[in-house]
N, C-alpha and C. Protein backbone atom coordinates (compact mmCIF):
# COMPACT_ATOMS: atom_id res chain seq x y z
N LYS A 1 -9.24 -11.97 -15.43
CA LYS A 1 -8.69 -12.61 -15.43
C LYS A 1 -7.99 -12.42 -16.71
N ASP A 2 -8.40 -11.95 -17.45
CA ASP A 2 -8.05 -12.21 -18.54
C ASP A 2 -6.51 -11.52 -19.11
N HIS A 3 -6.49 -10.30 -18.30
CA HIS A 3 -5.43 -9.23 -18.84
C HIS A 3 -5.26 -9.15 -16.80
N ALA A 4 -4.90 -9.79 -16.52
CA ALA A 4 -4.21 -10.04 -15.25
C ALA A 4 -2.73 -9.36 -15.12
N PHE A 5 -2.98 -7.99 -13.79
CA PHE A 5 -1.54 -7.88 -13.79
C PHE A 5 -0.54 -9.03 -13.56
N ASP A 6 0.65 -8.50 -14.52
CA ASP A 6 1.89 -9.59 -13.72
C ASP A 6 3.09 -8.45 -13.98
N TYR A 7 3.77 -9.58 -13.80
CA TYR A 7 5.48 -9.15 -13.35
C TYR A 7 6.29 -9.86 -13.97
N VAL A 8 7.74 -10.00 -14.15
CA VAL A 8 8.63 -10.46 -14.67
C VAL A 8 9.12 -11.02 -13.06
N ARG A 9 8.76 -11.66 -12.82
CA ARG A 9 9.74 -11.87 -11.16
C ARG A 9 11.26 -12.30 -11.08
N ALA A 10 11.69 -11.68 -10.23
CA ALA A 10 13.09 -11.52 -10.44
C ALA A 10 14.04 -12.72 -10.36
N PRO A 11 15.08 -12.85 -9.99
CA PRO A 11 16.17 -13.69 -10.58
C PRO A 11 16.35 -14.14 -8.75
N HIS A 12 16.70 -15.14 -8.54
CA HIS A 12 17.06 -15.90 -7.66
C HIS A 12 16.27 -15.53 -6.70
N SER A 13 17.34 -15.33 -5.19
CA SER A 13 16.67 -14.31 -4.51
C SER A 13 16.06 -13.09 -4.32
N MET A 14 16.35 -12.45 -4.98
CA MET A 14 15.74 -11.29 -4.79
C MET A 14 14.69 -10.91 -4.87
N ILE A 15 13.97 -9.68 -4.31
CA ILE A 15 12.79 -9.63 -4.04
C ILE A 15 12.18 -8.54 -4.93
N LYS A 16 11.28 -8.18 -5.64
CA LYS A 16 10.70 -6.99 -6.14
C LYS A 16 9.56 -6.33 -5.99
N THR A 17 9.48 -5.22 -5.98
CA THR A 17 8.10 -4.30 -5.10
C THR A 17 6.87 -5.19 -5.09
N GLN A 18 6.52 -5.64 -6.73
CA GLN A 18 5.24 -5.62 -7.15
C GLN A 18 5.06 -7.53 -6.30
N GLN A 19 6.08 -7.94 -5.39
CA GLN A 19 6.15 -9.52 -4.88
C GLN A 19 5.82 -9.24 -3.21
N VAL A 20 6.08 -7.77 -2.49
CA VAL A 20 5.75 -7.78 -1.43
C VAL A 20 4.78 -7.08 -1.71
N ILE A 21 4.17 -5.95 -2.05
CA ILE A 21 2.29 -5.85 -2.83
C ILE A 21 1.75 -6.97 -2.42
N GLU A 22 1.87 -7.78 -3.46
CA GLU A 22 1.49 -9.14 -3.78
C GLU A 22 1.13 -9.80 -2.41
N ALA A 23 2.52 -10.02 -1.57
CA ALA A 23 2.00 -11.02 -0.69
C ALA A 23 1.92 -10.02 0.72
N THR A 24 1.61 -8.59 0.57
CA THR A 24 0.78 -8.29 1.51
C THR A 24 -0.77 -8.48 1.29
N ASN A 25 -1.02 -8.54 0.44
CA ASN A 25 -2.84 -8.30 -0.46
C ASN A 25 -2.38 -9.90 0.02
N ASP A 26 -2.39 -11.17 -0.45
CA ASP A 26 -2.48 -12.15 -0.34
C ASP A 26 -2.91 -12.64 1.20
N TYR A 27 -2.38 -11.92 2.12
CA TYR A 27 -2.20 -12.14 3.93
C TYR A 27 -3.51 -11.85 3.87
N LEU A 28 -3.44 -10.63 3.60
CA LEU A 28 -4.77 -9.88 4.12
C LEU A 28 -5.88 -10.74 3.30
N HIS A 29 -5.73 -11.16 3.01
CA HIS A 29 -7.36 -11.87 2.59
C HIS A 29 -7.17 -13.54 3.05
N LYS A 30 -6.54 -14.08 3.14
CA LYS A 30 -6.13 -15.64 3.52
C LYS A 30 -6.13 -15.57 5.35
N SER A 31 -6.47 -14.67 4.81
CA SER A 31 -5.76 -14.70 6.71
C SER A 31 -7.61 -13.72 7.60
N GLY A 32 -7.94 -13.35 6.84
CA GLY A 32 -9.56 -12.53 6.30
C GLY A 32 -9.40 -11.30 7.44
N LEU A 33 -8.66 -10.54 7.53
CA LEU A 33 -8.33 -9.36 7.70
C LEU A 33 -9.60 -8.16 7.00
N VAL A 34 -9.13 -8.67 6.33
CA VAL A 34 -10.01 -7.82 5.10
C VAL A 34 -11.58 -8.36 5.81
N ASP A 35 -12.36 -8.68 5.89
CA ASP A 35 -13.58 -9.40 6.45
C ASP A 35 -13.55 -8.78 7.92
N LYS A 36 -12.16 -8.89 8.51
CA LYS A 36 -13.54 -8.73 10.07
C LYS A 36 -12.72 -7.18 10.52
N LYS A 37 -12.04 -6.31 9.89
CA LYS A 37 -12.09 -4.85 9.98
C LYS A 37 -11.36 -3.82 8.81
N ASP A 38 -11.74 -3.10 8.59
CA ASP A 38 -11.17 -2.44 7.51
C ASP A 38 -9.87 -2.29 6.90
N VAL A 39 -9.40 -1.64 6.44
CA VAL A 39 -8.47 -1.29 5.83
C VAL A 39 -8.53 -0.60 5.27
N VAL A 40 -7.41 0.07 5.52
CA VAL A 40 -6.98 1.45 4.87
C VAL A 40 -5.47 1.11 4.43
N VAL A 41 -5.53 1.19 3.28
CA VAL A 41 -4.14 1.48 2.80
C VAL A 41 -3.20 2.53 2.11
N CYS A 42 -1.82 3.42 2.66
CA CYS A 42 -1.98 4.62 2.48
C CYS A 42 -0.53 4.73 1.31
N THR A 43 -0.24 5.51 0.73
CA THR A 43 0.63 5.23 -0.60
C THR A 43 1.39 6.74 -0.51
N GLY A 44 2.96 6.80 -0.69
CA GLY A 44 3.30 8.03 -1.19
C GLY A 44 3.46 8.19 -2.81
N VAL A 45 4.55 8.64 -3.71
CA VAL A 45 4.63 8.01 -4.19
C VAL A 45 5.91 7.87 -5.70
N GLY A 46 5.40 7.39 -6.41
CA GLY A 46 6.41 6.45 -7.39
C GLY A 46 6.22 4.44 -7.73
N ASN A 47 7.13 4.34 -8.00
CA ASN A 47 6.24 3.33 -8.69
C ASN A 47 5.51 1.98 -7.50
N HIS A 48 5.47 2.13 -6.40
CA HIS A 48 5.09 1.52 -5.16
C HIS A 48 2.99 2.08 -5.57
N GLN A 49 3.14 3.27 -5.25
CA GLN A 49 1.88 3.16 -6.06
C GLN A 49 0.91 3.36 -6.85
N MET A 50 1.59 3.32 -8.03
CA MET A 50 0.42 2.12 -9.00
C MET A 50 1.04 0.59 -9.29
N MET A 51 2.35 0.33 -8.14
CA MET A 51 1.52 -1.08 -8.40
C MET A 51 0.60 -1.78 -6.90
N ALA A 52 0.38 -0.83 -5.69
CA ALA A 52 0.18 -0.80 -5.09
C ALA A 52 -1.85 -1.04 -5.58
N ALA A 53 -1.87 0.71 -5.87
CA ALA A 53 -2.99 0.51 -6.81
C ALA A 53 -3.79 -0.95 -7.67
N GLN A 54 -2.49 -1.34 -8.86
CA GLN A 54 -2.33 -2.95 -9.19
C GLN A 54 -2.84 -4.02 -8.80
N PHE A 55 -2.16 -4.09 -7.57
CA PHE A 55 -1.80 -5.99 -7.09
C PHE A 55 -2.62 -5.95 -5.82
N ILE A 56 -3.39 -4.70 -5.25
CA ILE A 56 -4.27 -5.09 -3.96
C ILE A 56 -5.62 -4.86 -4.35
N ARG A 57 -6.32 -6.77 -3.53
CA ARG A 57 -8.11 -6.72 -4.54
C ARG A 57 -8.57 -5.82 -3.84
N TRP A 58 -8.69 -4.25 -4.17
CA TRP A 58 -9.76 -3.92 -2.95
C TRP A 58 -10.63 -4.40 -3.13
N THR A 59 -11.96 -4.76 -2.54
CA THR A 59 -12.86 -4.65 -1.90
C THR A 59 -13.51 -3.86 -1.80
N LYS A 60 -13.55 -3.11 -1.16
CA LYS A 60 -14.47 -1.53 -0.37
C LYS A 60 -14.08 -0.61 -1.04
N PRO A 61 -15.55 0.06 -0.73
CA PRO A 61 -14.32 2.20 -1.35
C PRO A 61 -14.44 2.74 -0.06
N ARG A 62 -12.84 3.91 -1.03
CA ARG A 62 -12.64 4.02 0.40
C ARG A 62 -10.99 3.10 1.26
N GLN A 63 -10.47 2.99 0.58
CA GLN A 63 -9.90 1.81 0.99
C GLN A 63 -8.21 2.26 0.85
N MET A 64 -7.82 3.03 -0.42
CA MET A 64 -6.63 3.76 -0.51
C MET A 64 -6.54 4.81 -0.58
N ILE A 65 -5.86 5.54 0.53
CA ILE A 65 -5.75 6.72 0.49
C ILE A 65 -4.36 7.49 -0.19
N THR A 66 -4.46 8.25 -1.74
CA THR A 66 -3.64 8.60 -1.35
C THR A 66 -3.65 9.84 -2.63
N SER A 67 -2.53 10.64 -2.79
CA SER A 67 -2.11 11.69 -4.06
C SER A 67 -2.68 12.47 -5.33
N GLY A 68 -2.80 10.65 -5.72
CA GLY A 68 -3.35 10.76 -6.80
C GLY A 68 -2.35 11.70 -8.16
N SER A 69 -0.89 10.46 -7.81
CA SER A 69 0.00 10.87 -8.78
C SER A 69 0.33 12.27 -8.44
N LEU A 70 0.10 13.17 -8.09
CA LEU A 70 0.68 14.56 -8.16
C LEU A 70 2.44 15.02 -8.15
N GLY A 71 2.32 13.79 -7.71
CA GLY A 71 4.20 14.04 -7.09
C GLY A 71 4.68 14.61 -6.04
N VAL A 72 3.55 14.67 -4.97
CA VAL A 72 3.77 15.05 -3.51
C VAL A 72 4.53 14.22 -3.20
N MET A 73 5.78 14.35 -2.82
CA MET A 73 6.61 13.56 -1.86
C MET A 73 5.96 13.37 -0.17
N GLY A 74 6.48 12.94 0.37
CA GLY A 74 6.24 13.05 1.89
C GLY A 74 5.56 13.01 2.59
N VAL A 75 3.84 12.36 1.75
CA VAL A 75 2.49 12.38 2.69
C VAL A 75 2.01 10.78 2.73
N GLY A 76 2.59 9.79 2.42
CA GLY A 76 1.91 8.51 2.92
C GLY A 76 2.92 8.00 4.61
N LEU A 77 3.33 8.76 5.13
CA LEU A 77 3.38 8.96 6.36
C LEU A 77 2.18 9.15 6.97
N PRO A 78 1.95 11.31 6.97
CA PRO A 78 1.17 11.78 7.05
C PRO A 78 -0.49 10.99 7.47
N PHE A 79 -0.40 10.56 6.07
CA PHE A 79 -1.51 9.81 5.24
C PHE A 79 -2.01 8.86 6.13
N ALA A 80 -1.37 8.09 7.18
CA ALA A 80 -1.04 6.62 7.29
C ALA A 80 -1.32 7.30 8.56
N VAL A 81 -1.37 8.28 9.03
CA VAL A 81 -1.23 8.49 11.22
C VAL A 81 -3.04 9.23 10.89
N GLY A 82 -3.19 9.93 9.39
CA GLY A 82 -4.54 10.98 9.96
C GLY A 82 -5.49 8.87 9.76
N ALA A 83 -4.74 9.10 8.95
CA ALA A 83 -6.33 7.10 8.86
C ALA A 83 -5.60 6.59 10.20
N GLN A 84 -5.55 6.20 10.66
CA GLN A 84 -5.47 5.58 12.33
C GLN A 84 -6.29 6.36 13.07
N VAL A 85 -5.67 7.58 12.72
CA VAL A 85 -6.38 8.32 14.04
C VAL A 85 -7.83 8.35 14.06
N ALA A 86 -8.14 9.02 12.82
CA ALA A 86 -9.33 8.90 12.59
C ALA A 86 -10.93 7.48 12.36
N ASN A 87 -9.92 6.34 12.27
CA ASN A 87 -10.17 4.88 12.59
C ASN A 87 -9.65 4.13 13.21
N PRO A 88 -9.42 4.11 14.70
CA PRO A 88 -8.18 3.62 15.50
C PRO A 88 -8.44 1.92 15.73
N ASP A 89 -10.17 1.73 15.14
CA ASP A 89 -10.26 -0.37 14.75
C ASP A 89 -9.71 -0.53 13.29
N ALA A 90 -9.28 0.67 12.65
CA ALA A 90 -8.58 0.27 10.89
C ALA A 90 -7.55 -0.76 11.37
N LEU A 91 -7.16 -1.45 10.19
CA LEU A 91 -5.63 -2.01 10.07
C LEU A 91 -5.10 -0.93 8.58
N THR A 92 -4.55 0.04 9.10
CA THR A 92 -3.77 0.93 8.28
C THR A 92 -2.46 0.74 8.13
N ILE A 93 -1.67 0.88 6.25
CA ILE A 93 -0.87 -0.30 6.10
C ILE A 93 -0.27 1.55 4.94
N LEU A 94 0.64 1.73 5.26
CA LEU A 94 1.99 2.60 4.32
C LEU A 94 1.95 1.24 3.85
N ILE A 95 2.25 1.68 2.01
CA ILE A 95 3.08 1.08 1.63
C ILE A 95 4.39 3.38 0.95
N ASP A 96 5.59 2.52 1.43
CA ASP A 96 6.24 3.87 0.45
C ASP A 96 7.48 3.57 -0.21
N GLY A 97 7.42 4.70 -0.92
CA GLY A 97 9.79 3.84 -0.90
C GLY A 97 11.17 4.58 -0.22
N ASP A 98 11.27 4.71 -0.23
CA ASP A 98 12.54 4.95 0.32
C ASP A 98 12.92 7.08 0.22
N GLY A 99 12.41 7.60 -0.61
CA GLY A 99 12.76 8.73 -1.11
C GLY A 99 11.35 9.60 -0.29
N SER A 100 10.36 9.32 -0.38
CA SER A 100 8.99 9.69 0.51
C SER A 100 9.29 9.71 2.04
N PHE A 101 9.82 8.51 2.35
CA PHE A 101 9.78 7.90 3.29
C PHE A 101 10.66 9.07 4.51
N ASN A 102 12.13 9.11 3.76
CA ASN A 102 13.06 9.91 4.77
C ASN A 102 12.61 11.71 4.88
N MET A 103 11.62 11.54 3.33
CA MET A 103 11.56 12.63 4.25
C MET A 103 9.84 13.29 5.65
N THR A 104 10.10 12.63 5.53
CA THR A 104 8.93 11.99 7.25
C THR A 104 9.86 11.44 8.03
N ASN A 105 9.91 10.71 7.81
CA ASN A 105 10.33 9.79 9.03
C ASN A 105 11.10 10.07 10.06
N MET A 106 11.79 11.70 10.75
CA MET A 106 12.00 12.04 11.28
C MET A 106 10.61 12.14 12.88
N ASP A 107 9.12 12.43 11.48
CA ASP A 107 8.09 12.70 12.63
C ASP A 107 7.64 11.09 13.11
N LEU A 108 7.82 10.01 13.20
CA LEU A 108 7.87 9.00 13.90
C LEU A 108 8.50 8.79 15.06
């Protein structure tokens, strides 16, 4: 708490990526979903990848599937599909950017 991650809020009604990820984290914890089931968060590459690592409160090991910042665009959706197939009872969340998602969105 001494060095919590923070960011400058967007003016007016604009929304930043950090706000969306932070709101997702808040919902997961306030709703009790993280206590009721396994939650797996998958990401593509980019700023959202780093922000997910910072603004999601990780409570168990092996909750994040990501490329490790190797710049592998388009891996988020395959990661999420694989995580859901491997853990059908888990809640799988994909946090992806427009570039990465556009590389694999036709696979949906």
